[in-house]
Amino acid sequence: MFDAAIAAALPQKSLRKFLPEPPSGRTIVVGCGKAAAAMARAVEARWKGPLEGLVVTRYGHRAKTRRIEVVEAAHPVPDMAGREAAERILRMVQGLTANDLVLFLVSGGGSALLSLPAPGITLADKQAINRALLRSGANIAEMNCVRKHLSAVKGGRLAAAAHPARVVTLAISDIPGDDPAVIASGPTVADVTTFADALAILRKYHITEPAAVVTHIEAAGDETPKPGDPRLANATLHLIATPQTSLEAAAKVARRAGVKPLILGDAIEGEAREVALVHAGVARQVKRHRQPLPAPCVLLSGGETTVTVRGHGRGGRNAEFLLALAVALGGEAGVWALAGDTDGIDGTEDNAGAIATPDSLARAAACGMDAKAMLANNDGYSFFSGLNDLVVTGPTLTNVNDFRAILVTQS
């Protein structure tokens, strides 16, 4: 099921039917995200006519291209390679005419990868605020609201810079609800959020540093382009892959195996360990009362959970979800689970996710591991590594966010 979810979101499968007709003028291909290089390769394979451009992707997510340059940069905390790539991309789209086309390829991870600070903000400031937001428990929409108001390219600014050229965005969504303005902080999409919203988020999570960031947001100087801005009148966007599409692909695999699938939602958010408690409760309801459907069945869900980091362990949100799920189930017989990030990287680790089994806690105890203590220390990676139950795919070159499957059997 996890393999099918990833395959459904690969650019070479989904991008072709959304390509526009070549313009009479130039075609500039730019982009950002964990799938940006694979998307660029798919464009090159199908494009009829000349093109040029640059995309930036995460280290290790490169795909071989011939005409579109690929730059690798850091994620989730931006680095100088991403900053320089963003600056080059901004220059590429400036000075175009109405006869030209900008094809913008965007996927999850693009917000950190396309990082060009607004005047008065340094790269170090952007790195510090990213770290603070990642540790705070802020959700992706909140993080991207702040990022838009610290950027020279996000929140519609890139499309505004390309005016009067036609801008066509092809997007792979990793966002709960598939809001185009949130995917990679919406460089080509009008922004409904404001500096006031960004300031409220900083205050909500008690973020007071770096001082330059707070000062910039309080000053509320250069607001992002809003809906109706004439500079965005010639910009369109197409979603070429979404979390729901991947969940439906996984459901087909389950049906072929004689297991009833139930998609709980493609936009589930919240603290990973709290989401795990809800999923554990649904699994128990299936076991005990055959509701909302009888076993054998599989509970599928997508979206993006968050982790408020309080410990010093290793592990992304999927490992945290699974460890919390295992603790909540307490060794419940007949319940198996997989959680993984469809980009192949759970947080900053080398695994996509992990698998929890009915005997995970017993095997861990036999190895001298205390599951509850490791959960308190945000150490899900070490827990599942110790059990040899990590799921390692390597970079998948796509990203429709987290995938969770809980298989409930009759035994």
Protein backbone atom coordinates (compact mmCIF):
# COMPACT_ATOMS: atom_id res chain seq x y z
CA MET A 1 0.00 0.00 0.00
CA PHE A 2 2.82 2.42 0.82
CA ASP A 3 4.51 1.66 -2.50
CA ALA A 4 1.22 2.27 -4.34
CA ALA A 5 0.71 5.58 -2.53
CA ILE A 6 4.14 6.77 -3.63
CA ALA A 7 3.73 5.52 -7.21
CA ALA A 8 0.45 7.42 -7.60
CA ALA A 9 2.26 10.70 -6.88
CA LEU A 10 5.29 10.29 -9.14
CA PRO A 11 5.62 13.20 -11.60
CA GLN A 12 6.25 11.02 -14.64
CA LYS A 13 2.79 9.55 -14.16
CA SER A 14 0.78 12.62 -13.30
CA LEU A 15 2.39 15.66 -14.96
CA ARG A 16 1.91 15.10 -18.69
CA LYS A 17 -1.78 15.97 -19.03
CA PHE A 18 -1.32 19.33 -17.30
CA LEU A 19 1.42 20.75 -19.54
CA PRO A 20 0.39 23.96 -21.36
CA GLU A 21 0.99 24.64 -25.02
CA PRO A 22 4.39 26.19 -25.81
CA PRO A 23 4.29 30.01 -26.10
CA SER A 24 5.39 32.12 -29.04
CA GLY A 25 8.16 33.52 -26.84
CA ARG A 26 10.52 31.97 -24.29
CA THR A 27 9.73 29.14 -21.88
CA ILE A 28 11.39 29.50 -18.48
CA VAL A 29 11.08 26.49 -16.17
CA VAL A 30 11.74 27.17 -12.49
CA GLY A 31 10.76 25.29 -9.39
CA CYS A 32 11.39 24.13 -5.86
CA GLY A 33 10.62 21.17 -3.65
CA LYS A 34 11.60 17.59 -2.96
CA ALA A 35 10.01 16.51 -6.26
CA ALA A 36 11.24 19.49 -8.31
CA ALA A 37 14.05 17.63 -10.10
CA ALA A 38 11.81 14.69 -11.01
CA MET A 39 9.18 17.13 -12.23
CA ALA A 40 11.77 18.92 -14.37
CA ARG A 41 12.83 15.61 -15.87
CA ALA A 42 9.18 14.79 -16.67
CA VAL A 43 8.74 18.19 -18.37
CA GLU A 44 11.83 17.67 -20.51
CA ALA A 45 10.54 14.26 -21.63
CA ARG A 46 7.24 15.73 -22.87
CA TRP A 47 7.98 19.34 -23.91
CA LYS A 48 7.81 20.22 -27.58
CA GLY A 49 9.97 23.24 -28.11
CA PRO A 50 12.88 25.13 -26.53
CA LEU A 51 13.06 25.67 -22.79
CA GLU A 52 15.54 26.71 -20.13
CA GLY A 53 15.52 27.05 -16.40
CA LEU A 54 16.54 26.07 -12.89
CA VAL A 55 14.95 24.10 -10.07
CA VAL A 56 16.13 23.60 -6.50
CA THR A 57 15.60 20.36 -4.59
CA ARG A 58 16.76 18.76 -1.36
CA TYR A 59 20.20 17.21 -1.08
CA GLY A 60 19.97 13.65 -2.38
CA HIS A 61 16.80 14.27 -4.41
CA ARG A 62 18.50 15.06 -7.72
CA ALA A 63 17.20 13.65 -11.01
CA LYS A 64 19.11 13.67 -14.28
CA THR A 65 18.08 16.49 -16.63
CA ARG A 66 19.50 17.85 -19.87
CA ARG A 67 18.23 21.42 -20.26
CA ILE A 68 16.94 22.42 -16.83
CA GLU A 69 19.62 22.97 -14.21
CA VAL A 70 19.13 21.23 -10.86
CA VAL A 71 20.57 22.72 -7.66
CA GLU A 72 20.52 20.86 -4.34
CA ALA A 73 20.02 22.69 -1.05
CA ALA A 74 19.17 22.06 2.60
CA HIS A 75 15.80 21.14 4.12
CA PRO A 76 14.09 21.80 6.53
CA VAL A 77 16.47 24.57 7.59
CA PRO A 78 17.58 26.65 4.56
CA ASP A 79 21.20 27.14 3.55
CA MET A 80 23.23 29.39 1.25
CA ALA A 81 22.77 27.06 -1.74
CA GLY A 82 19.01 27.52 -1.51
CA ARG A 83 19.35 31.26 -1.05
CA GLU A 84 21.56 31.62 -4.13
CA ALA A 85 19.25 29.41 -6.21
CA ALA A 86 16.24 31.50 -5.17
CA GLU A 87 18.05 34.69 -6.15
CA ARG A 88 18.88 33.24 -9.57
CA ILE A 89 15.30 32.06 -10.09
CA LEU A 90 13.97 35.53 -9.25
CA ARG A 91 16.32 37.08 -11.83
CA MET A 92 15.29 34.52 -14.47
CA VAL A 93 11.61 35.48 -14.32
CA GLN A 94 12.15 39.23 -14.40
CA GLY A 95 12.07 41.27 -17.61
CA LEU A 96 9.81 38.86 -19.52
CA THR A 97 7.02 39.76 -21.95
CA ALA A 98 3.41 38.72 -22.41
CA ASN A 99 4.59 36.27 -25.10
CA ASP A 100 6.72 34.34 -22.61
CA LEU A 101 5.80 31.45 -20.30
CA VAL A 102 7.03 30.72 -16.80
CA LEU A 103 6.41 27.09 -15.87
CA PHE A 104 6.71 26.82 -12.09
CA LEU A 105 7.16 23.31 -10.65
CA VAL A 106 6.47 23.10 -6.94
CA SER A 107 6.18 20.40 -4.31
CA GLY A 108 6.51 19.92 -0.58
CA GLY A 109 9.72 21.20 0.95
CA GLY A 110 9.86 24.15 -1.43
CA SER A 111 9.40 26.73 1.29
CA ALA A 112 12.75 25.96 2.90
CA LEU A 113 14.50 25.27 -0.40
CA LEU A 114 13.42 28.52 -2.11
CA SER A 115 14.70 30.83 0.57
CA LEU A 116 15.44 34.43 -0.36
CA PRO A 117 15.15 36.69 2.70
CA ALA A 118 13.33 40.01 2.51
CA PRO A 119 15.46 43.15 2.85
CA GLY A 120 16.77 43.47 6.40
CA ILE A 121 16.58 39.73 7.07
CA THR A 122 19.69 37.53 6.87
CA LEU A 123 19.97 33.86 6.04
CA ALA A 124 20.99 33.24 9.65
CA ASP A 125 17.73 34.90 10.74
CA LYS A 126 15.75 32.63 8.40
CA GLN A 127 17.58 29.56 9.72
CA ALA A 128 16.90 30.53 13.32
CA ILE A 129 13.19 31.18 12.78
CA ASN A 130 12.81 27.91 10.90
CA ARG A 131 14.36 26.00 13.78
CA ALA A 132 12.14 27.79 16.28
CA LEU A 133 8.99 27.05 14.28
CA LEU A 134 9.95 23.40 13.80
CA ARG A 135 10.41 22.93 17.54
CA SER A 136 7.32 24.91 18.53
CA GLY A 137 4.65 22.51 17.29
CA ALA A 138 3.32 25.04 14.75
CA ASN A 139 1.47 23.43 11.85
CA ILE A 140 2.56 23.80 8.24
CA ALA A 141 0.09 26.60 7.44
CA GLU A 142 1.32 28.63 10.42
CA MET A 143 4.97 28.09 9.53
CA ASN A 144 4.38 29.10 5.94
CA CYS A 145 2.46 32.23 6.94
CA VAL A 146 5.53 33.43 8.83
CA ARG A 147 7.86 32.40 6.00
CA LYS A 148 5.84 34.36 3.41
CA HIS A 149 6.30 37.55 5.36
CA LEU A 150 10.06 37.12 5.61
CA SER A 151 10.60 36.35 1.93
CA ALA A 152 11.33 38.14 -1.33
CA VAL A 153 9.74 35.35 -3.42
CA LYS A 154 6.97 33.66 -1.43
CA GLY A 155 3.31 34.61 -1.03
CA GLY A 156 2.81 35.46 -4.70
CA ARG A 157 5.93 37.60 -5.02
CA LEU A 158 7.55 35.34 -7.65
CA ALA A 159 4.53 35.54 -9.97
CA ALA A 160 4.34 39.29 -9.46
CA ALA A 161 7.99 39.57 -10.51
CA ALA A 162 7.26 37.57 -13.69
CA HIS A 163 4.41 39.88 -14.82
CA PRO A 164 3.35 40.29 -17.66
CA ALA A 165 4.49 36.76 -18.64
CA ARG A 166 2.02 33.89 -18.36
CA VAL A 167 2.71 31.84 -15.22
CA VAL A 168 1.55 28.21 -15.04
CA THR A 169 2.18 26.38 -11.77
CA LEU A 170 2.17 22.59 -11.58
CA ALA A 171 1.97 21.51 -7.96
CA ILE A 172 2.28 18.29 -5.98
CA SER A 173 0.42 18.91 -2.74
CA ASP A 174 1.81 17.93 0.65
CA ILE A 175 -0.63 20.23 2.42
CA PRO A 176 -3.68 19.16 4.45
CA GLY A 177 -6.60 20.51 2.42
CA ASP A 178 -4.43 21.09 -0.69
CA ASP A 179 -4.47 24.89 -0.31
CA PRO A 180 -2.24 26.14 -3.17
CA ALA A 181 -1.30 29.23 -1.17
CA VAL A 182 0.32 27.03 1.48
CA ILE A 183 2.25 24.63 -0.80
CA ALA A 184 5.87 25.86 -0.50
CA SER A 185 4.40 29.13 0.84
CA GLY A 186 2.71 29.88 -2.49
CA PRO A 187 5.36 31.78 -4.53
CA THR A 188 2.91 32.17 -7.44
CA VAL A 189 -0.38 32.36 -5.50
CA ALA A 190 -2.12 35.37 -3.96
CA ASP A 191 -1.76 35.47 -0.19
CA VAL A 192 -4.73 36.11 2.10
CA THR A 193 -2.58 36.18 5.25
CA THR A 194 -1.04 39.34 6.65
CA PHE A 195 1.85 40.56 8.75
CA ALA A 196 -0.63 40.72 11.63
CA ASP A 197 -1.34 37.01 11.20
CA ALA A 198 2.37 36.22 11.19
CA LEU A 199 2.90 38.26 14.35
CA ALA A 200 0.03 36.46 16.08
CA ILE A 201 1.70 33.11 15.28
CA LEU A 202 5.01 34.22 16.78
CA ARG A 203 3.19 35.34 19.93
CA LYS A 204 1.12 32.14 20.09
CA TYR A 205 4.30 30.05 20.27
CA HIS A 206 6.24 32.59 22.38
CA ILE A 207 8.89 33.10 19.69
CA THR A 208 10.83 36.30 20.40
CA GLU A 209 14.06 35.69 18.48
CA PRO A 210 15.72 36.60 16.19
CA ALA A 211 15.02 40.24 16.96
CA ALA A 212 15.35 41.22 13.28
CA VAL A 213 12.53 38.83 12.36
CA VAL A 214 10.20 40.17 15.02
CA THR A 215 11.03 43.77 14.08
CA HIS A 216 10.41 43.09 10.38
CA ILE A 217 7.04 41.48 11.03
CA GLU A 218 5.99 44.20 13.48
CA ALA A 219 6.89 46.88 10.92
CA ALA A 220 4.53 45.28 8.36
CA GLY A 221 6.14 47.18 5.51
CA ASP A 222 5.80 45.39 2.17
CA GLU A 223 2.67 43.23 2.22
CA THR A 224 2.35 40.16 0.00
CA PRO A 225 0.21 40.33 -3.19
CA LYS A 226 -3.47 39.79 -2.37
CA PRO A 227 -6.35 38.26 -4.39
CA GLY A 228 -7.22 40.58 -7.26
CA ASP A 229 -3.68 41.91 -7.65
CA PRO A 230 -3.34 42.64 -11.42
CA ARG A 231 0.19 41.26 -11.45
CA LEU A 232 -1.26 37.79 -10.79
CA ALA A 233 -4.05 37.98 -13.38
CA ASN A 234 -2.12 35.78 -15.82
CA ALA A 235 -1.18 33.09 -13.28
CA THR A 236 -2.87 29.68 -13.10
CA LEU A 237 -2.23 26.56 -11.02
CA HIS A 238 -2.93 22.83 -11.44
CA LEU A 239 -2.66 20.18 -8.73
CA ILE A 240 -1.07 17.17 -10.40
CA ALA A 241 -0.88 14.88 -7.33
CA THR A 242 -2.55 15.00 -3.91
CA PRO A 243 -2.65 12.98 -0.69
CA GLN A 244 -6.19 11.79 -1.48
CA THR A 245 -5.07 10.31 -4.80
CA SER A 246 -2.37 8.32 -3.01
CA LEU A 247 -4.76 7.09 -0.33
CA GLU A 248 -7.15 5.89 -3.01
CA ALA A 249 -4.32 4.01 -4.71
CA ALA A 250 -3.50 2.30 -1.42
CA ALA A 251 -7.17 1.44 -0.91
CA LYS A 252 -7.20 -0.38 -4.25
CA VAL A 253 -4.29 -2.55 -3.09
CA ALA A 254 -6.20 -3.44 0.06
CA ARG A 255 -9.34 -4.38 -1.86
CA ARG A 256 -7.36 -6.65 -4.16
CA ALA A 257 -6.04 -8.44 -1.07
CA GLY A 258 -9.55 -8.94 0.30
CA VAL A 259 -9.19 -6.29 3.02
CA LYS A 260 -11.77 -3.54 3.40
CA PRO A 261 -10.19 -0.05 3.36
CA LEU A 262 -11.51 2.93 5.32
CA ILE A 263 -9.97 6.31 4.51
CA LEU A 264 -10.18 8.34 7.70
CA GLY A 265 -9.02 11.54 6.03
CA ASP A 266 -6.33 13.05 3.84
CA ALA A 267 -5.82 16.19 5.95
CA ILE A 268 -5.33 14.96 9.52
CA GLU A 269 -3.27 17.33 11.63
CA GLY A 270 -2.31 17.70 15.29
CA GLU A 271 0.35 16.44 17.67
CA ALA A 272 1.59 13.07 16.40
CA ARG A 273 1.05 11.33 19.73
CA GLU A 274 -2.48 12.73 20.07
CA VAL A 275 -3.38 11.63 16.53
CA ALA A 276 -2.01 8.21 17.46
CA LEU A 277 -4.39 7.98 20.43
CA VAL A 278 -7.38 8.60 18.15
CA HIS A 279 -6.20 6.02 15.62
CA ALA A 280 -5.65 3.49 18.41
CA GLY A 281 -9.19 4.10 19.62
CA VAL A 282 -10.64 3.46 16.18
CA ALA A 283 -8.61 0.24 15.85
CA ARG A 284 -9.92 -0.98 19.20
CA GLN A 285 -13.48 -0.18 18.16
CA VAL A 286 -13.02 -2.37 15.10
CA LYS A 287 -11.64 -5.22 17.22
CA ARG A 288 -14.26 -5.07 19.95
CA HIS A 289 -17.42 -3.90 18.24
CA ARG A 290 -16.82 -4.40 14.49
CA GLN A 291 -17.32 -0.66 13.99
CA PRO A 292 -17.08 1.37 11.82
CA LEU A 293 -16.47 -1.83 9.83
CA PRO A 294 -15.48 -5.41 10.69
CA ALA A 295 -12.02 -6.92 10.46
CA PRO A 296 -10.09 -7.61 8.36
CA CYS A 297 -9.83 -3.96 7.43
CA VAL A 298 -7.24 -1.24 7.06
CA LEU A 299 -7.52 2.31 8.37
CA LEU A 300 -5.83 4.76 6.01
CA SER A 301 -5.01 8.39 6.66
CA GLY A 302 -2.84 11.22 5.39
CA GLY A 303 -1.97 14.76 6.34
CA GLU A 304 0.82 16.20 8.43
CA THR A 305 1.15 15.82 12.16
CA THR A 306 3.49 17.92 14.29
CA VAL A 307 5.87 17.16 17.13
CA THR A 308 6.53 19.56 19.96
CA VAL A 309 10.11 18.59 20.79
CA ARG A 310 10.71 18.22 24.51
CA GLY A 311 13.32 15.46 24.56
CA HIS A 312 16.69 14.85 22.95
CA GLY A 313 16.03 11.67 20.97
CA ARG A 314 15.97 10.99 17.25
CA GLY A 315 12.91 10.62 15.08
CA GLY A 316 10.46 12.34 12.79
CA ARG A 317 6.72 12.69 13.19
CA ASN A 318 5.94 9.26 11.72
CA ALA A 319 8.21 7.44 14.16
CA GLU A 320 6.65 9.50 16.96
CA PHE A 321 3.14 8.59 15.77
CA LEU A 322 3.95 4.88 15.60
CA LEU A 323 5.64 4.74 18.98
CA ALA A 324 2.69 6.55 20.56
CA LEU A 325 0.33 4.17 18.75
CA ALA A 326 2.20 1.12 20.03
CA VAL A 327 2.12 2.45 23.59
CA ALA A 328 -1.61 3.25 23.33
CA LEU A 329 -2.45 -0.20 21.93
CA GLY A 330 -0.39 -1.92 24.60
CA GLY A 331 0.27 -5.02 22.52
CA GLU A 332 -3.27 -5.39 21.17
CA ALA A 333 -3.40 -8.60 19.13
CA GLY A 334 -4.07 -8.39 15.42
CA VAL A 335 -3.17 -4.72 14.90
CA TRP A 336 -0.28 -3.83 12.59
CA ALA A 337 0.68 -0.37 11.42
CA LEU A 338 2.95 1.50 9.01
CA ALA A 339 3.54 5.24 8.98
CA GLY A 340 5.89 6.96 6.59
CA ASP A 341 6.59 10.17 4.74
CA THR A 342 5.99 9.74 1.03
CA ASP A 343 9.15 11.71 0.24
CA GLY A 344 11.19 8.90 1.82
CA ILE A 345 12.56 11.02 4.67
CA ASP A 346 10.91 11.18 8.09
CA GLY A 347 11.95 14.57 9.43
CA THR A 348 15.73 14.74 9.13
CA GLU A 349 16.47 11.03 9.50
CA ASP A 350 17.40 8.44 6.86
CA ASN A 351 14.16 6.46 7.04
CA ALA A 352 10.74 7.06 5.54
CA GLY A 353 9.00 5.72 8.63
CA ALA A 354 8.56 2.44 10.46
CA ILE A 355 6.28 -0.53 11.16
CA ALA A 356 4.65 -1.35 14.49
CA THR A 357 3.54 -4.89 15.25
CA PRO A 358 1.47 -6.50 18.02
CA ASP A 359 4.69 -7.63 19.71
CA SER A 360 6.67 -4.39 19.33
CA LEU A 361 6.49 -3.55 23.04
CA ALA A 362 7.42 -7.08 24.13
CA ARG A 363 10.39 -7.24 21.77
CA ALA A 364 11.51 -3.79 22.90
CA ALA A 365 11.35 -4.82 26.56
CA ALA A 366 13.42 -7.91 25.77
CA CYS A 367 16.05 -5.57 24.27
CA GLY A 368 16.03 -3.38 27.37
CA MET A 369 14.08 -0.51 25.76
CA ASP A 370 11.38 1.39 27.68
CA ALA A 371 8.79 2.48 25.11
CA LYS A 372 7.14 5.12 27.30
CA ALA A 373 10.46 6.68 28.29
CA MET A 374 11.61 6.77 24.68
CA LEU A 375 8.34 8.41 23.63
CA ALA A 376 8.83 11.06 26.31
CA ASN A 377 12.32 11.65 24.87
CA ASN A 378 11.01 11.94 21.26
CA ASP A 379 13.16 8.92 20.41
CA GLY A 380 10.98 6.96 18.01
CA TYR A 381 13.79 6.44 15.50
CA SER A 382 15.99 4.68 18.06
CA PHE A 383 13.06 2.53 19.21
CA PHE A 384 12.22 1.16 15.77
CA SER A 385 15.86 0.98 14.72
CA GLY A 386 16.48 -1.22 17.76
CA LEU A 387 13.70 -3.53 16.56
CA ASN A 388 14.96 -3.47 12.96
CA ASP A 389 11.51 -2.15 11.96
CA LEU A 390 12.44 1.06 10.18
CA VAL A 391 11.06 1.55 6.66
CA VAL A 392 13.91 2.80 4.45
CA THR A 393 13.13 3.77 0.85
CA GLY A 394 15.61 6.53 0.12
CA PRO A 395 14.37 9.71 -1.57
CA THR A 396 11.26 8.89 -3.62
CA LEU A 397 11.35 12.14 -5.70
CA THR A 398 7.76 12.99 -4.82
CA ASN A 399 5.96 14.22 -1.72
CA VAL A 400 2.28 14.04 -0.77
CA ASN A 401 3.09 14.08 2.92
CA ASP A 402 2.48 11.40 5.52
CA PHE A 403 0.89 8.02 4.88
CA ARG A 404 -0.56 5.90 7.67
CA ALA A 405 -2.06 2.42 7.40
CA ILE A 406 -3.37 0.41 10.37
CA LEU A 407 -4.24 -3.17 9.50
CA VAL A 408 -6.74 -4.80 11.86
CA THR A 409 -7.09 -8.58 11.57
CA GLN A 410 -9.59 -10.95 13.15
CA SER A 411 -7.00 -12.76 15.28
